[in-house]
Structures are given as C-alpha cells and as structure tokens.
C-alpha cells in the first residue's frame, strides 16, 4: 500500500504553556517615610520608613507628613523652607503636641 502524501495531519507537538500569572514576582510594596515630629512614647519617629501599611499610631497624623520615598528629596527641601506648606504642617504638628523636634 502506498503512503499518502497528505500533510494535513502533522505529528503532535507538545504545547508550550504560557507562564502562570502567579509566577510573576510580586510588586514590592511602596515604602513611605514619616517626616513629622517624634511622637511621645515612640509611636512614630521622624524618618521612620514603613512598607506595606502604616501602624495604628499614624491614624491621627496629617497625611502630608507621610511621603513616598521617591518624593523624599523634594519633601526635605520643603521642610527646610519655612514658608512651604509642608513646613507649616510640621510646625502645627509640633504645636498640637504630636511630639518634639526630630
């Protein structure tokens, strides 16, 4: 019997599975830094870095005093400028009794 020359039936090749989404590295949690005054009792310290969320002690803190690490250079310049909004917020936090100078 003669072999058919029909090539419509190609030999089966193993399928290559696409990588599963769960194999992707998880994005690193964004880190933030607290730039307000030290809180009494060590609840929050000026310059303290947090990843993956804030502690309960940060609940009453003005959100402007918690900045992304990527924004740290800009925020430090603002803190050094007495007329900037961030500097005013910092001084108000000191007066409100959130803590002393770092």
N, C-alpha and C. Protein backbone atom coordinates (compact mmCIF):
# COMPACT_ATOMS: atom_id res chain seq x y z
N UNK A 1 0.82 -1.16 0.00
CA UNK A 1 0.00 0.00 0.00
C UNK A 1 0.87 1.23 0.00
N UNK A 2 0.48 2.21 -0.75
CA UNK A 2 1.28 3.43 -0.90
C UNK A 2 0.97 4.38 0.23
N UNK A 3 1.98 5.05 0.64
CA UNK A 3 1.84 6.03 1.71
C UNK A 3 1.19 7.30 1.16
N UNK A 4 0.31 7.88 1.92
CA UNK A 4 -0.39 9.09 1.50
C UNK A 4 0.57 10.27 1.59
N UNK A 5 0.47 11.17 0.66
CA UNK A 5 1.32 12.36 0.68
C UNK A 5 0.58 13.54 1.30
N UNK A 6 -0.59 13.28 1.86
CA UNK A 6 -1.36 14.35 2.50
C UNK A 6 -0.66 14.76 3.79
N UNK A 7 -0.29 16.02 3.90
CA UNK A 7 0.44 16.51 5.07
C UNK A 7 -0.46 17.27 6.02
N UNK A 8 -1.77 17.10 5.89
CA UNK A 8 -2.67 17.84 6.76
C UNK A 8 -2.60 17.33 8.20
N UNK A 9 -2.14 16.12 8.38
CA UNK A 9 -2.01 15.58 9.72
C UNK A 9 -0.55 15.67 10.14
N UNK A 10 -0.22 16.75 10.82
CA UNK A 10 1.15 16.92 11.31
C UNK A 10 1.29 16.17 12.62
N UNK A 11 2.48 15.69 12.90
CA UNK A 11 2.67 15.00 14.17
C UNK A 11 2.41 15.96 15.32
N UNK A 12 1.85 15.45 16.37
CA UNK A 12 1.52 16.28 17.54
C UNK A 12 2.80 16.76 18.20
N UNK A 13 2.83 18.06 18.49
CA UNK A 13 3.98 18.61 19.21
C UNK A 13 3.50 19.03 20.59
N UNK A 14 4.34 18.89 21.56
CA UNK A 14 3.90 19.30 22.90
C UNK A 14 3.64 20.80 22.93
N UNK A 15 2.54 21.17 23.56
CA UNK A 15 2.18 22.57 23.67
C UNK A 15 3.04 23.22 24.76
N UNK A 16 3.45 24.43 24.50
CA UNK A 16 4.22 25.18 25.48
C UNK A 16 3.25 26.05 26.25
N UNK A 17 3.17 25.83 27.53
CA UNK A 17 2.23 26.59 28.35
C UNK A 17 2.80 27.96 28.65
N UNK A 18 1.94 28.94 28.62
CA UNK A 18 2.36 30.29 29.00
C UNK A 18 2.63 30.32 30.50
N UNK A 19 3.59 31.11 30.94
CA UNK A 19 3.85 31.17 32.38
C UNK A 19 2.61 31.64 33.13
N UNK A 20 2.39 31.03 34.24
CA UNK A 20 1.23 31.40 35.05
C UNK A 20 1.43 32.78 35.65
N UNK A 21 0.35 33.52 35.80
CA UNK A 21 0.43 34.87 36.35
C UNK A 21 0.99 34.85 37.77
N UNK A 22 0.75 33.76 38.48
CA UNK A 22 1.23 33.70 39.87
C UNK A 22 2.74 33.55 39.95
N UNK A 23 3.37 33.25 38.83
CA UNK A 23 4.82 33.10 38.84
C UNK A 23 5.53 34.44 38.69
N UNK A 24 4.79 35.47 38.35
CA UNK A 24 5.41 36.79 38.24
C UNK A 24 5.84 37.26 39.63
N UNK A 25 6.97 37.92 39.71
CA UNK A 25 7.35 38.44 41.03
C UNK A 25 6.35 39.50 41.47
N UNK A 26 5.98 39.44 42.71
CA UNK A 26 5.03 40.42 43.24
C UNK A 26 5.68 41.79 43.29
N UNK A 27 4.90 42.79 43.01
CA UNK A 27 5.42 44.15 43.08
C UNK A 27 5.76 44.47 44.53
N UNK A 28 6.90 45.09 44.71
CA UNK A 28 7.30 45.45 46.07
C UNK A 28 6.33 46.48 46.62
N UNK A 29 5.96 46.32 47.88
CA UNK A 29 5.05 47.31 48.45
C UNK A 29 5.72 48.66 48.48
N UNK A 30 4.94 49.69 48.21
CA UNK A 30 5.54 51.01 48.19
C UNK A 30 5.94 51.41 49.60
N UNK A 31 7.07 52.01 49.71
CA UNK A 31 7.59 52.44 51.00
C UNK A 31 7.30 53.92 51.19
N UNK A 32 6.93 54.26 52.40
CA UNK A 32 6.68 55.66 52.74
C UNK A 32 7.52 56.00 53.96
N UNK A 33 7.74 57.29 54.16
CA UNK A 33 8.53 57.76 55.28
C UNK A 33 7.75 58.83 56.04
N UNK A 34 7.83 58.76 57.35
CA UNK A 34 7.16 59.73 58.22
C UNK A 34 8.10 60.89 58.45
N UNK A 35 7.66 62.10 58.09
CA UNK A 35 8.51 63.28 58.24
C UNK A 35 8.00 64.24 59.30
N UNK A 36 7.07 63.79 60.10
CA UNK A 36 6.57 64.63 61.18
C UNK A 36 7.48 64.55 62.40
N UNK A 37 7.10 65.26 63.45
CA UNK A 37 7.90 65.24 64.68
C UNK A 37 7.79 63.89 65.38
N UNK A 38 8.78 63.56 66.20
CA UNK A 38 8.72 62.35 67.00
C UNK A 38 7.49 62.41 67.90
N UNK A 39 6.80 61.30 68.01
CA UNK A 39 5.65 61.25 68.90
C UNK A 39 6.10 60.74 70.27
N UNK A 40 5.52 61.29 71.32
CA UNK A 40 5.87 60.82 72.65
C UNK A 40 5.60 59.32 72.78
N UNK A 41 6.49 58.63 73.45
CA UNK A 41 6.33 57.19 73.63
C UNK A 41 6.84 56.37 72.46
N UNK A 42 7.40 57.02 71.47
CA UNK A 42 7.98 56.28 70.34
C UNK A 42 6.97 55.73 69.36
N UNK A 43 5.74 56.27 69.36
CA UNK A 43 4.73 55.79 68.42
C UNK A 43 5.17 55.96 66.98
N UNK A 44 5.68 57.11 66.67
CA UNK A 44 6.24 57.41 65.35
C UNK A 44 7.50 58.24 65.55
N UNK A 45 8.48 57.93 64.75
CA UNK A 45 9.75 58.67 64.82
C UNK A 45 10.01 59.35 63.48
N UNK A 46 10.50 60.58 63.55
CA UNK A 46 10.85 61.30 62.32
C UNK A 46 11.83 60.45 61.52
N UNK A 47 11.52 60.24 60.25
CA UNK A 47 12.39 59.47 59.37
C UNK A 47 12.11 57.97 59.37
N UNK A 48 11.10 57.54 60.09
CA UNK A 48 10.76 56.12 60.14
C UNK A 48 10.12 55.71 58.82
N UNK A 49 10.56 54.57 58.28
CA UNK A 49 10.09 54.07 56.99
C UNK A 49 9.12 52.91 57.23
N UNK A 50 8.06 52.89 56.44
CA UNK A 50 7.05 51.84 56.53
C UNK A 50 6.83 51.22 55.16
N UNK A 51 6.69 49.91 55.15
CA UNK A 51 6.37 49.17 53.92
C UNK A 51 5.11 48.36 54.18
N UNK A 52 4.20 48.41 53.25
CA UNK A 52 3.00 47.59 53.36
C UNK A 52 1.99 48.07 54.38
N UNK A 53 1.97 49.34 54.67
CA UNK A 53 0.96 49.87 55.57
C UNK A 53 1.56 50.67 56.71
N UNK A 54 0.68 51.37 57.39
CA UNK A 54 1.10 52.24 58.49
C UNK A 54 0.65 51.63 59.82
N UNK A 55 1.37 51.94 60.89
CA UNK A 55 0.97 51.44 62.20
C UNK A 55 -0.23 52.23 62.73
N UNK A 56 -0.91 51.72 63.74
CA UNK A 56 -2.05 52.44 64.31
C UNK A 56 -1.69 53.84 64.82
N UNK A 57 -0.45 54.04 65.23
CA UNK A 57 -0.03 55.34 65.75
C UNK A 57 -0.13 56.44 64.69
N UNK A 58 -0.18 56.07 63.42
CA UNK A 58 -0.24 57.05 62.34
C UNK A 58 -1.66 57.50 62.03
N UNK A 59 -2.64 56.99 62.75
CA UNK A 59 -4.04 57.28 62.44
C UNK A 59 -4.38 58.76 62.52
N UNK A 60 -3.84 59.49 63.48
CA UNK A 60 -4.20 60.89 63.62
C UNK A 60 -3.22 61.86 62.99
N UNK A 61 -2.29 61.35 62.22
CA UNK A 61 -1.24 62.18 61.63
C UNK A 61 -1.71 62.80 60.32
N UNK A 62 -1.33 64.05 60.08
CA UNK A 62 -1.65 64.69 58.80
C UNK A 62 -0.99 63.88 57.69
N UNK A 63 -1.73 63.45 56.67
CA UNK A 63 -1.16 62.63 55.60
C UNK A 63 -0.03 63.31 54.84
N UNK A 64 0.05 64.63 54.88
CA UNK A 64 1.14 65.33 54.19
C UNK A 64 2.49 65.00 54.81
N UNK A 65 2.49 64.56 56.06
CA UNK A 65 3.74 64.24 56.74
C UNK A 65 4.23 62.82 56.45
N UNK A 66 3.47 62.09 55.66
CA UNK A 66 3.87 60.74 55.24
C UNK A 66 4.03 60.78 53.73
N UNK A 67 5.26 60.64 53.26
CA UNK A 67 5.54 60.79 51.83
C UNK A 67 6.21 59.53 51.29
N UNK A 68 6.05 59.32 50.00
CA UNK A 68 6.71 58.21 49.32
C UNK A 68 8.22 58.46 49.34
N UNK A 69 8.98 57.38 49.42
CA UNK A 69 10.44 57.54 49.44
C UNK A 69 10.94 58.25 48.19
N UNK A 70 10.25 58.03 47.08
CA UNK A 70 10.66 58.69 45.84
C UNK A 70 10.53 60.21 45.94
N UNK A 71 9.65 60.69 46.82
CA UNK A 71 9.44 62.13 46.99
C UNK A 71 10.26 62.73 48.13
N UNK A 72 11.10 61.93 48.75
CA UNK A 72 11.86 62.40 49.91
C UNK A 72 12.74 63.62 49.63
N UNK A 73 13.50 63.66 48.55
CA UNK A 73 14.34 64.86 48.32
C UNK A 73 13.51 66.15 48.25
N UNK A 74 12.39 66.09 47.54
CA UNK A 74 11.53 67.27 47.43
C UNK A 74 10.96 67.64 48.79
N UNK A 75 10.51 66.65 49.55
CA UNK A 75 9.91 66.91 50.85
C UNK A 75 10.92 67.50 51.83
N UNK A 76 12.16 67.05 51.77
CA UNK A 76 13.18 67.60 52.67
C UNK A 76 13.45 69.07 52.35
N UNK A 77 13.44 69.40 51.07
CA UNK A 77 13.62 70.81 50.68
C UNK A 77 12.45 71.64 51.20
N UNK A 78 11.24 71.09 51.11
CA UNK A 78 10.07 71.82 51.60
C UNK A 78 10.14 72.01 53.11
N UNK A 79 10.57 70.99 53.84
CA UNK A 79 10.68 71.12 55.29
C UNK A 79 11.68 72.20 55.68
N UNK A 80 12.71 72.36 54.88
CA UNK A 80 13.75 73.36 55.18
C UNK A 80 13.29 74.79 54.86
N UNK A 81 12.24 74.92 54.06
CA UNK A 81 11.72 76.23 53.68
C UNK A 81 10.58 76.62 54.62
N UNK A 82 10.79 77.59 55.51
CA UNK A 82 9.76 77.95 56.49
C UNK A 82 8.45 78.41 55.88
N UNK A 83 8.46 78.84 54.63
CA UNK A 83 7.22 79.33 54.01
C UNK A 83 6.46 78.24 53.27
N UNK A 84 7.01 77.03 53.19
CA UNK A 84 6.33 75.96 52.44
C UNK A 84 5.17 75.38 53.25
N UNK A 85 4.24 74.81 52.54
CA UNK A 85 3.09 74.20 53.19
C UNK A 85 3.47 73.05 54.11
N UNK A 86 4.41 72.23 53.68
CA UNK A 86 4.82 71.09 54.49
C UNK A 86 5.49 71.54 55.78
N UNK A 87 6.29 72.58 55.70
CA UNK A 87 6.94 73.11 56.89
C UNK A 87 5.90 73.66 57.87
N UNK A 88 4.88 74.31 57.37
CA UNK A 88 3.81 74.83 58.23
C UNK A 88 3.04 73.69 58.89
N UNK A 89 2.80 72.63 58.14
CA UNK A 89 2.10 71.47 58.70
C UNK A 89 2.95 70.83 59.80
N UNK A 90 4.25 70.75 59.56
CA UNK A 90 5.15 70.18 60.56
C UNK A 90 5.10 71.01 61.85
N UNK A 91 5.22 72.33 61.71
CA UNK A 91 5.21 73.20 62.90
C UNK A 91 3.86 73.12 63.63
N UNK A 92 2.78 72.99 62.88
CA UNK A 92 1.46 72.85 63.51
C UNK A 92 1.39 71.54 64.29
N UNK A 93 2.01 70.49 63.77
CA UNK A 93 2.02 69.20 64.47
C UNK A 93 2.81 69.31 65.78
N UNK A 94 3.90 70.06 65.75
CA UNK A 94 4.69 70.27 66.96
C UNK A 94 3.85 71.01 67.99
N UNK A 95 3.17 72.07 67.55
CA UNK A 95 2.34 72.87 68.48
C UNK A 95 1.16 72.07 69.01
N UNK A 96 0.64 71.16 68.20
CA UNK A 96 -0.52 70.36 68.63
C UNK A 96 -0.11 69.27 69.62
N UNK A 97 1.17 69.18 69.89
CA UNK A 97 1.63 68.19 70.86
C UNK A 97 1.88 66.81 70.30
N UNK A 98 2.05 66.72 68.98
CA UNK A 98 2.34 65.41 68.39
C UNK A 98 3.77 65.00 68.67
N UNK A 99 4.54 65.88 69.22
CA UNK A 99 5.92 65.48 69.52
C UNK A 99 6.86 66.65 69.45
N UNK A 100 8.09 66.34 69.71
CA UNK A 100 9.13 67.37 69.68
C UNK A 100 9.90 67.33 68.38
N UNK A 101 10.91 68.07 68.31
CA UNK A 101 11.74 68.10 67.10
C UNK A 101 12.46 66.77 66.93
N UNK A 102 12.70 66.38 65.66
CA UNK A 102 13.42 65.11 65.42
C UNK A 102 14.88 65.24 65.82
